[in-house]
Every structure is written in structure tokens, then in C-alpha cells.
Amino acid sequence: MWDRAPESRLSRYFRQLNDASGLPPIRPAVIAPMAAGIVLAAAFITWEHRAAQPMMPLRLFGARSFAAGTAATFFHASVVFGGQCS
């Protein structure tokens, strides 16, 4: 029926990010999303730190087993689902 399903802005962003994987690492198409991700992650952490009732209490990361489990889950999902964006 359709060659492609209609894309949302978010799916277009991820597709462009995936297309950028073959580019040299110093191009704006590669650097800008990485910088935006770092800035947004820092803003989220700051927001959660100041919130009276945070979505993710940052004190949980003080437990070594929780922090290690979260990091392992993140890297596992990155490997398993990393190539699925195309």
C-alpha cells in the first residue's frame, strides 16, 4: 500500500542519526546530536536532583549493585537494539 509509513519527527531524527553513522566523526550531523544528548542528560539529572518527588531518585545510584545493573542493562540494550534503527 505505502512505500513507507508516515514518519514522526522522532523517527526521522533516529533515521538521520543512523544515516550519520557512516560519516566522519567530526561532522555537524554527528556532533550535534551527541552534544544535544549530553546537554539533555545533564538537564534531566539537574531537574531530578532538585525535584521534591523525582521520577528516578538519584540516591539509588549510590548502591553499587543498582548502578552496575543499570549500566549493564544499558550496554546490553545498546548492543542488541543498536542496529535496529535503520
PDB file of N, CA and C in Angstrom:
ATOM      1  N   MET A   1       0.825  -1.178   0.000  1.00  0.00           N
ATOM      2  CA  MET A   1       0.000   0.000   0.000  1.00  0.00           C
ATOM      3  C   MET A   1       0.880   1.256   0.000  1.00  0.00           C
ATOM      4  N   TRP A   2       1.663   1.440   1.049  1.00  0.00           N
ATOM      5  CA  TRP A   2       2.571   2.585   1.120  1.00  0.00           C
ATOM      6  C   TRP A   2       3.987   2.084   0.989  1.00  0.00           C
ATOM      7  N   ASP A   3       4.815   2.873   0.335  1.00  0.00           N
ATOM      8  CA  ASP A   3       6.228   2.531   0.301  1.00  0.00           C
ATOM      9  C   ASP A   3       6.834   2.669   1.683  1.00  0.00           C
ATOM     10  N   ARG A   4       6.398   3.688   2.377  1.00  0.00           N
ATOM     11  CA  ARG A   4       6.883   3.947   3.735  1.00  0.00           C
ATOM     12  C   ARG A   4       5.749   4.461   4.584  1.00  0.00           C
ATOM     13  N   ALA A   5       5.741   4.038   5.799  1.00  0.00           N
ATOM     14  CA  ALA A   5       4.746   4.574   6.734  1.00  0.00           C
ATOM     15  C   ALA A   5       5.096   6.023   7.044  1.00  0.00           C
ATOM     16  N   PRO A   6       4.122   6.847   7.354  1.00  0.00           N
ATOM     17  CA  PRO A   6       4.425   8.239   7.708  1.00  0.00           C
ATOM     18  C   PRO A   6       5.374   8.282   8.911  1.00  0.00           C
ATOM     19  N   GLU A   7       6.325   9.177   8.833  1.00  0.00           N
ATOM     20  CA  GLU A   7       7.325   9.264   9.892  1.00  0.00           C
ATOM     21  C   GLU A   7       7.009  10.400  10.860  1.00  0.00           C
ATOM     22  N   SER A   8       7.219  10.124  12.107  1.00  0.00           N
ATOM     23  CA  SER A   8       7.121  11.201  13.087  1.00  0.00           C
ATOM     24  C   SER A   8       8.463  11.921  13.119  1.00  0.00           C
ATOM     25  N   ARG A   9       8.508  13.033  13.779  1.00  0.00           N
ATOM     26  CA  ARG A   9       9.775  13.765  13.887  1.00  0.00           C
ATOM     27  C   ARG A   9      10.828  12.935  14.610  1.00  0.00           C
ATOM     28  N   LEU A  10      10.375  12.199  15.632  1.00  0.00           N
ATOM     29  CA  LEU A  10      11.312  11.396  16.400  1.00  0.00           C
ATOM     30  C   LEU A  10      11.904  10.271  15.558  1.00  0.00           C
ATOM     31  N   SER A  11      11.068   9.589  14.782  1.00  0.00           N
ATOM     32  CA  SER A  11      11.600   8.506  13.959  1.00  0.00           C
ATOM     33  C   SER A  11      12.513   9.052  12.865  1.00  0.00           C
ATOM     34  N   ARG A  12      12.181  10.225  12.320  1.00  0.00           N
ATOM     35  CA  ARG A  12      13.060  10.852  11.336  1.00  0.00           C
ATOM     36  C   ARG A  12      14.406  11.205  11.966  1.00  0.00           C
ATOM     37  N   TYR A  13      14.385  11.697  13.196  1.00  0.00           N
ATOM     38  CA  TYR A  13      15.620  12.034  13.904  1.00  0.00           C
ATOM     39  C   TYR A  13      16.496  10.795  14.053  1.00  0.00           C
ATOM     40  N   PHE A  14      15.889   9.669  14.486  1.00  0.00           N
ATOM     41  CA  PHE A  14      16.672   8.452  14.668  1.00  0.00           C
ATOM     42  C   PHE A  14      17.187   7.907  13.352  1.00  0.00           C
ATOM     43  N   ARG A  15      16.395   8.045  12.275  1.00  0.00           N
ATOM     44  CA  ARG A  15      16.857   7.577  10.975  1.00  0.00           C
ATOM     45  C   ARG A  15      18.046   8.414  10.503  1.00  0.00           C
ATOM     46  N   GLN A  16      17.974   9.729  10.702  1.00  0.00           N
ATOM     47  CA  GLN A  16      19.085  10.593  10.319  1.00  0.00           C
ATOM     48  C   GLN A  16      20.313  10.293  11.162  1.00  0.00           C
ATOM     49  N   LEU A  17      20.102   9.992  12.423  1.00  0.00           N
ATOM     50  CA  LEU A  17      21.217   9.635  13.289  1.00  0.00           C
ATOM     51  C   LEU A  17      21.883   8.357  12.801  1.00  0.00           C
ATOM     52  N   ASN A  18      21.070   7.395  12.376  1.00  0.00           N
ATOM     53  CA  ASN A  18      21.603   6.145  11.857  1.00  0.00           C
ATOM     54  C   ASN A  18      22.322   6.380  10.529  1.00  0.00           C
ATOM     55  N   ASP A  19      21.786   7.243   9.685  1.00  0.00           N
ATOM     56  CA  ASP A  19      22.440   7.558   8.420  1.00  0.00           C
ATOM     57  C   ASP A  19      23.778   8.233   8.655  1.00  0.00           C
ATOM     58  N   ALA A  20      23.917   8.929   9.760  1.00  0.00           N
ATOM     59  CA  ALA A  20      25.155   9.639  10.069  1.00  0.00           C
ATOM     60  C   ALA A  20      26.253   8.691  10.532  1.00  0.00           C
ATOM     61  N   SER A  21      25.931   7.417  10.777  1.00  0.00           N
ATOM     62  CA  SER A  21      26.939   6.501  11.303  1.00  0.00           C
ATOM     63  C   SER A  21      28.069   6.252  10.319  1.00  0.00           C
ATOM     64  N   GLY A  22      27.857   6.461   9.024  1.00  0.00           N
ATOM     65  CA  GLY A  22      28.916   6.271   8.043  1.00  0.00           C
ATOM     66  C   GLY A  22      29.734   7.515   7.791  1.00  0.00           C
ATOM     67  N   LEU A  23      29.396   8.603   8.436  1.00  0.00           N
ATOM     68  CA  LEU A  23      30.097   9.872   8.223  1.00  0.00           C
ATOM     69  C   LEU A  23      31.327   9.972   9.116  1.00  0.00           C
ATOM     70  N   PRO A  24      32.281  10.810   8.727  1.00  0.00           N
ATOM     71  CA  PRO A  24      33.409  11.061   9.632  1.00  0.00           C
ATOM     72  C   PRO A  24      32.903  11.644  10.950  1.00  0.00           C
ATOM     73  N   PRO A  25      33.564  11.345  12.060  1.00  0.00           N
ATOM     74  CA  PRO A  25      33.037  11.745  13.368  1.00  0.00           C
ATOM     75  C   PRO A  25      33.096  13.226  13.687  1.00  0.00           C
ATOM     76  N   ILE A  26      33.686  14.054  12.842  1.00  0.00           N
ATOM     77  CA  ILE A  26      33.776  15.475  13.172  1.00  0.00           C
ATOM     78  C   ILE A  26      32.799  16.322  12.370  1.00  0.00           C
ATOM     79  N   ARG A  27      31.803  15.720  11.757  1.00  0.00           N
ATOM     80  CA  ARG A  27      30.799  16.469  11.011  1.00  0.00           C
ATOM     81  C   ARG A  27      29.688  16.932  11.951  1.00  0.00           C
ATOM     82  N   PRO A  28      29.049  18.062  11.632  1.00  0.00           N
ATOM     83  CA  PRO A  28      27.955  18.560  12.483  1.00  0.00           C
ATOM     84  C   PRO A  28      26.801  17.571  12.622  1.00  0.00           C
ATOM     85  N   ALA A  29      26.552  16.750  11.595  1.00  0.00           N
ATOM     86  CA  ALA A  29      25.464  15.774  11.677  1.00  0.00           C
ATOM     87  C   ALA A  29      25.743  14.698  12.714  1.00  0.00           C
ATOM     88  N   VAL A  30      26.992  14.560  13.108  1.00  0.00           N
ATOM     89  CA  VAL A  30      27.369  13.580  14.128  1.00  0.00           C
ATOM     90  C   VAL A  30      27.528  14.261  15.485  1.00  0.00           C
ATOM     91  N   ILE A  31      28.189  15.392  15.500  1.00  0.00           N
ATOM     92  CA  ILE A  31      28.494  16.098  16.754  1.00  0.00           C
ATOM     93  C   ILE A  31      27.230  16.696  17.397  1.00  0.00           C
ATOM     94  N   ALA A  32      26.350  17.292  16.604  1.00  0.00           N
ATOM     95  CA  ALA A  32      25.178  17.983  17.163  1.00  0.00           C
ATOM     96  C   ALA A  32      24.270  17.054  17.969  1.00  0.00           C
ATOM     97  N   PRO A  33      23.881  15.871  17.456  1.00  0.00           N
ATOM     98  CA  PRO A  33      23.038  15.003  18.291  1.00  0.00           C
ATOM     99  C   PRO A  33      23.745  14.504  19.542  1.00  0.00           C
ATOM    100  N   MET A  34      25.058  14.272  19.447  1.00  0.00           N
ATOM    101  CA  MET A  34      25.797  13.833  20.638  1.00  0.00           C
ATOM    102  C   MET A  34      25.816  14.945  21.684  1.00  0.00           C
ATOM    103  N   ALA A  35      26.072  16.174  21.253  1.00  0.00           N
ATOM    104  CA  ALA A  35      26.094  17.299  22.182  1.00  0.00           C
ATOM    105  C   ALA A  35      24.712  17.529  22.788  1.00  0.00           C
ATOM    106  N   ALA A  36      23.670  17.424  21.958  1.00  0.00           N
ATOM    107  CA  ALA A  36      22.310  17.603  22.457  1.00  0.00           C
ATOM    108  C   ALA A  36      21.969  16.533  23.494  1.00  0.00           C
ATOM    109  N   GLY A  37      22.393  15.306  23.258  1.00  0.00           N
ATOM    110  CA  GLY A  37      22.139  14.230  24.215  1.00  0.00           C
ATOM    111  C   GLY A  37      22.823  14.466  25.545  1.00  0.00           C
ATOM    112  N   ILE A  38      24.049  14.938  25.497  1.00  0.00           N
ATOM    113  CA  ILE A  38      24.794  15.216  26.723  1.00  0.00           C
ATOM    114  C   ILE A  38      24.141  16.363  27.501  1.00  0.00           C
ATOM    115  N   VAL A  39      23.763  17.424  26.797  1.00  0.00           N
ATOM    116  CA  VAL A  39      23.124  18.573  27.450  1.00  0.00           C
ATOM    117  C   VAL A  39      21.775  18.171  28.058  1.00  0.00           C
ATOM    118  N   LEU A  40      20.983  17.393  27.301  1.00  0.00           N
ATOM    119  CA  LEU A  40      19.679  16.978  27.818  1.00  0.00           C
ATOM    120  C   LEU A  40      19.809  16.018  28.995  1.00  0.00           C
ATOM    121  N   ALA A  41      20.797  15.138  28.975  1.00  0.00           N
ATOM    122  CA  ALA A  41      21.024  14.233  30.102  1.00  0.00           C
ATOM    123  C   ALA A  41      21.414  15.031  31.353  1.00  0.00           C
ATOM    124  N   ALA A  42      22.285  16.024  31.178  1.00  0.00           N
ATOM    125  CA  ALA A  42      22.680  16.867  32.314  1.00  0.00           C
ATOM    126  C   ALA A  42      21.488  17.659  32.851  1.00  0.00           C
ATOM    127  N   ALA A  43      20.638  18.160  31.951  1.00  0.00           N
ATOM    128  CA  ALA A  43      19.454  18.902  32.384  1.00  0.00           C
ATOM    129  C   ALA A  43      18.496  17.988  33.144  1.00  0.00           C
ATOM    130  N   PHE A  44      18.332  16.751  32.673  1.00  0.00           N
ATOM    131  CA  PHE A  44      17.451  15.801  33.353  1.00  0.00           C
ATOM    132  C   PHE A  44      17.980  15.484  34.755  1.00  0.00           C
ATOM    133  N   ILE A  45      19.266  15.252  34.865  1.00  0.00           N
ATOM    134  CA  ILE A  45      19.849  14.933  36.165  1.00  0.00           C
ATOM    135  C   ILE A  45      19.688  16.114  37.126  1.00  0.00           C
ATOM    136  N   THR A  46      19.928  17.320  36.629  1.00  0.00           N
ATOM    137  CA  THR A  46      19.759  18.513  37.459  1.00  0.00           C
ATOM    138  C   THR A  46      18.306  18.663  37.901  1.00  0.00           C
ATOM    139  N   TRP A  47      17.381  18.471  36.979  1.00  0.00           N
ATOM    140  CA  TRP A  47      15.944  18.577  37.288  1.00  0.00           C
ATOM    141  C   TRP A  47      15.537  17.541  38.333  1.00  0.00           C
ATOM    142  N   GLU A  48      15.968  16.320  38.150  1.00  0.00           N
ATOM    143  CA  GLU A  48      15.619  15.251  39.082  1.00  0.00           C
ATOM    144  C   GLU A  48      16.242  15.484  40.460  1.00  0.00           C
ATOM    145  N   HIS A  49      17.439  16.046  40.484  1.00  0.00           N
ATOM    146  CA  HIS A  49      18.114  16.314  41.748  1.00  0.00           C
ATOM    147  C   HIS A  49      17.359  17.360  42.571  1.00  0.00           C
ATOM    148  N   ARG A  50      16.749  18.321  41.890  1.00  0.00           N
ATOM    149  CA  ARG A  50      16.051  19.406  42.576  1.00  0.00           C
ATOM    150  C   ARG A  50      14.587  19.110  42.862  1.00  0.00           C
ATOM    151  N   ALA A  51      14.012  18.101  42.230  1.00  0.00           N
ATOM    152  CA  ALA A  51      12.578  17.818  42.378  1.00  0.00           C
ATOM    153  C   ALA A  51      12.267  17.256  43.766  1.00  0.00           C
ATOM    154  N   ALA A  52      11.107  17.634  44.282  1.00  0.00           N
ATOM    155  CA  ALA A  52      10.680  17.126  45.589  1.00  0.00           C
ATOM    156  C   ALA A  52      10.344  15.640  45.506  1.00  0.00           C
ATOM    157  N   GLN A  53       9.702  15.230  44.431  1.00  0.00           N
ATOM    158  CA  GLN A  53       9.368  13.817  44.207  1.00  0.00           C
ATOM    159  C   GLN A  53       9.878  13.415  42.813  1.00  0.00           C
ATOM    160  N   PRO A  54      11.138  13.043  42.710  1.00  0.00           N
ATOM    161  CA  PRO A  54      11.703  12.740  41.387  1.00  0.00           C
ATOM    162  C   PRO A  54      11.155  11.439  40.803  1.00  0.00           C
ATOM    163  N   MET A  55      11.151  11.358  39.474  1.00  0.00           N
ATOM    164  CA  MET A  55      10.752  10.114  38.797  1.00  0.00           C
ATOM    165  C   MET A  55      11.756   9.016  39.091  1.00  0.00           C
ATOM    166  N   MET A  56      13.035   9.374  39.102  1.00  0.00           N
ATOM    167  CA  MET A  56      14.107   8.426  39.371  1.00  0.00           C
ATOM    168  C   MET A  56      14.980   8.989  40.492  1.00  0.00           C
ATOM    169  N   PRO A  57      14.786   8.517  41.720  1.00  0.00           N
ATOM    170  CA  PRO A  57      15.609   9.021  42.817  1.00  0.00           C
ATOM    171  C   PRO A  57      17.092   8.721  42.560  1.00  0.00           C
ATOM    172  N   LEU A  58      17.894   9.759  42.491  1.00  0.00           N
ATOM    173  CA  LEU A  58      19.304   9.589  42.158  1.00  0.00           C
ATOM    174  C   LEU A  58      20.084   8.883  43.259  1.00  0.00           C
ATOM    175  N   ARG A  59      19.534   8.836  44.455  1.00  0.00           N
ATOM    176  CA  ARG A  59      20.234   8.142  45.541  1.00  0.00           C
ATOM    177  C   ARG A  59      20.330   6.649  45.273  1.00  0.00           C
ATOM    178  N   LEU A  60      19.468   6.124  44.393  1.00  0.00           N
ATOM    179  CA  LEU A  60      19.542   4.704  44.045  1.00  0.00           C
ATOM    180  C   LEU A  60      20.889   4.346  43.415  1.00  0.00           C
ATOM    181  N   PHE A  61      21.466   5.299  42.691  1.00  0.00           N
ATOM    182  CA  PHE A  61      22.748   5.038  42.042  1.00  0.00           C
ATOM    183  C   PHE A  61      23.900   4.987  43.037  1.00  0.00           C
ATOM    184  N   GLY A  62      23.621   5.309  44.292  1.00  0.00           N
ATOM    185  CA  GLY A  62      24.629   5.171  45.331  1.00  0.00           C
ATOM    186  C   GLY A  62      24.887   3.708  45.677  1.00  0.00           C
ATOM    187  N   ALA A  63      23.901   2.847  45.396  1.00  0.00           N
ATOM    188  CA  ALA A  63      24.079   1.408  45.613  1.00  0.00           C
ATOM    189  C   ALA A  63      24.848   0.837  44.427  1.00  0.00           C
ATOM    190  N   ARG A  64      25.983   0.260  44.702  1.00  0.00           N
ATOM    191  CA  ARG A  64      26.859  -0.240  43.646  1.00  0.00           C
ATOM    192  C   ARG A  64      26.170  -1.283  42.772  1.00  0.00           C
ATOM    193  N   SER A  65      25.386  -2.171  43.364  1.00  0.00           N
ATOM    194  CA  SER A  65      24.725  -3.216  42.577  1.00  0.00           C
ATOM    195  C   SER A  65      23.677  -2.621  41.633  1.00  0.00           C
ATOM    196  N   PHE A  66      22.932  -1.596  42.076  1.00  0.00           N
ATOM    197  CA  PHE A  66      21.945  -0.957  41.213  1.00  0.00           C
ATOM    198  C   PHE A  66      22.619  -0.236  40.057  1.00  0.00           C
ATOM    199  N   ALA A  67      23.683   0.503  40.359  1.00  0.00           N
ATOM    200  CA  ALA A  67      24.397   1.244  39.317  1.00  0.00           C
ATOM    201  C   ALA A  67      25.013   0.293  38.290  1.00  0.00           C
ATOM    202  N   ALA A  68      25.615  -0.792  38.757  1.00  0.00           N
ATOM    203  CA  ALA A  68      26.222  -1.756  37.835  1.00  0.00           C
ATOM    204  C   ALA A  68      25.161  -2.459  36.997  1.00  0.00           C
ATOM    205  N   GLY A  69      24.045  -2.814  37.603  1.00  0.00           N
ATOM    206  CA  GLY A  69      22.964  -3.453  36.865  1.00  0.00           C
ATOM    207  C   GLY A  69      22.368  -2.538  35.818  1.00  0.00           C
ATOM    208  N   THR A  70      22.206  -1.276  36.161  1.00  0.00           N
ATOM    209  CA  THR A  70      21.681  -0.297  35.207  1.00  0.00           C
ATOM    210  C   THR A  70      22.645  -0.105  34.046  1.00  0.00           C
ATOM    211  N   ALA A  71      23.929  -0.002  34.340  1.00  0.00           N
ATOM    212  CA  ALA A  71      24.927   0.157  33.273  1.00  0.00           C
ATOM    213  C   ALA A  71      24.969  -1.078  32.375  1.00  0.00           C
ATOM    214  N   ALA A  72      24.912  -2.258  32.974  1.00  0.00           N
ATOM    215  CA  ALA A  72      24.919  -3.492  32.175  1.00  0.00           C
ATOM    216  C   ALA A  72      23.688  -3.577  31.287  1.00  0.00           C
ATOM    217  N   THR A  73      22.536  -3.205  31.807  1.00  0.00           N
ATOM    218  CA  THR A  73      21.307  -3.219  31.017  1.00  0.00           C
ATOM    219  C   THR A  73      21.386  -2.222  29.861  1.00  0.00           C
ATOM    220  N   PHE A  74      21.924  -1.044  30.123  1.00  0.00           N
ATOM    221  CA  PHE A  74      22.071  -0.029  29.079  1.00  0.00           C
ATOM    222  C   PHE A  74      22.966  -0.532  27.956  1.00  0.00           C
ATOM    223  N   PHE A  75      24.135  -1.083  28.308  1.00  0.00           N
ATOM    224  CA  PHE A  75      25.059  -1.548  27.275  1.00  0.00           C
ATOM    225  C   PHE A  75      24.507  -2.763  26.530  1.00  0.00           C
ATOM    226  N   HIS A  76      23.809  -3.623  27.221  1.00  0.00           N
ATOM    227  CA  HIS A  76      23.202  -4.779  26.567  1.00  0.00           C
ATOM    228  C   HIS A  76      22.153  -4.313  25.551  1.00  0.00           C
ATOM    229  N   ALA A  77      21.286  -3.388  25.952  1.00  0.00           N
ATOM    230  CA  ALA A  77      20.268  -2.870  25.028  1.00  0.00           C
ATOM    231  C   ALA A  77      20.909  -2.130  23.863  1.00  0.00           C
ATOM    232  N   SER A  78      22.013  -1.433  24.104  1.00  0.00           N
ATOM    233  CA  SER A  78      22.711  -0.746  23.021  1.00  0.00           C
ATOM    234  C   SER A  78      23.225  -1.725  21.983  1.00  0.00           C
ATOM    235  N   VAL A  79      23.748  -2.839  22.432  1.00  0.00           N
ATOM    236  CA  VAL A  79      24.271  -3.841  21.507  1.00  0.00           C
ATOM    237  C   VAL A  79      23.135  -4.552  20.782  1.00  0.00           C
ATOM    238  N   VAL A  80      22.113  -4.949  21.502  1.00  0.00           N
ATOM    239  CA  VAL A  80      21.021  -5.725  20.907  1.00  0.00           C
ATOM    240  C   VAL A  80      20.182  -4.870  19.953  1.00  0.00           C
ATOM    241  N   PHE A  81      19.832  -3.664  20.370  1.00  0.00           N
ATOM    242  CA  PHE A  81      18.929  -2.838  19.575  1.00  0.00           C
ATOM    243  C   PHE A  81      19.633  -1.758  18.778  1.00  0.00           C
ATOM    244  N   GLY A  82      20.925  -1.639  18.878  1.00  0.00           N
ATOM    245  CA  GLY A  82      21.664  -0.578  18.179  1.00  0.00           C
ATOM    246  C   GLY A  82      21.523  -0.609  16.684  1.00  0.00           C
ATOM    247  N   GLY A  83      21.492  -1.782  16.087  1.00  0.00           N
ATOM    248  CA  GLY A  83      21.383  -1.887  14.641  1.00  0.00           C
ATOM    249  C   GLY A  83      19.964  -1.897  14.124  1.00  0.00           C
ATOM    250  N   GLN A  84      18.978  -1.765  15.002  1.00  0.00           N
ATOM    251  CA  GLN A  84      17.582  -1.858  14.610  1.00  0.00           C
ATOM    252  C   GLN A  84      16.984  -0.527  14.163  1.00  0.00           C
ATOM    253  N   CYS A  85      17.790   0.543  14.149  1.00  0.00           N
ATOM    254  CA  CYS A  85      17.252   1.868  13.845  1.00  0.00           C
ATOM    255  C   CYS A  85      17.074   2.134  12.354  1.00  0.00           C
ATOM    256  N   SER A  86      17.632   1.300  11.507  1.00  0.00           N
ATOM    257  CA  SER A  86      17.587   1.608  10.063  1.00  0.00           C
ATOM    258  C   SER A  86      16.256   1.293   9.439  1.00  0.00           C
TER     259      SER A  86
END
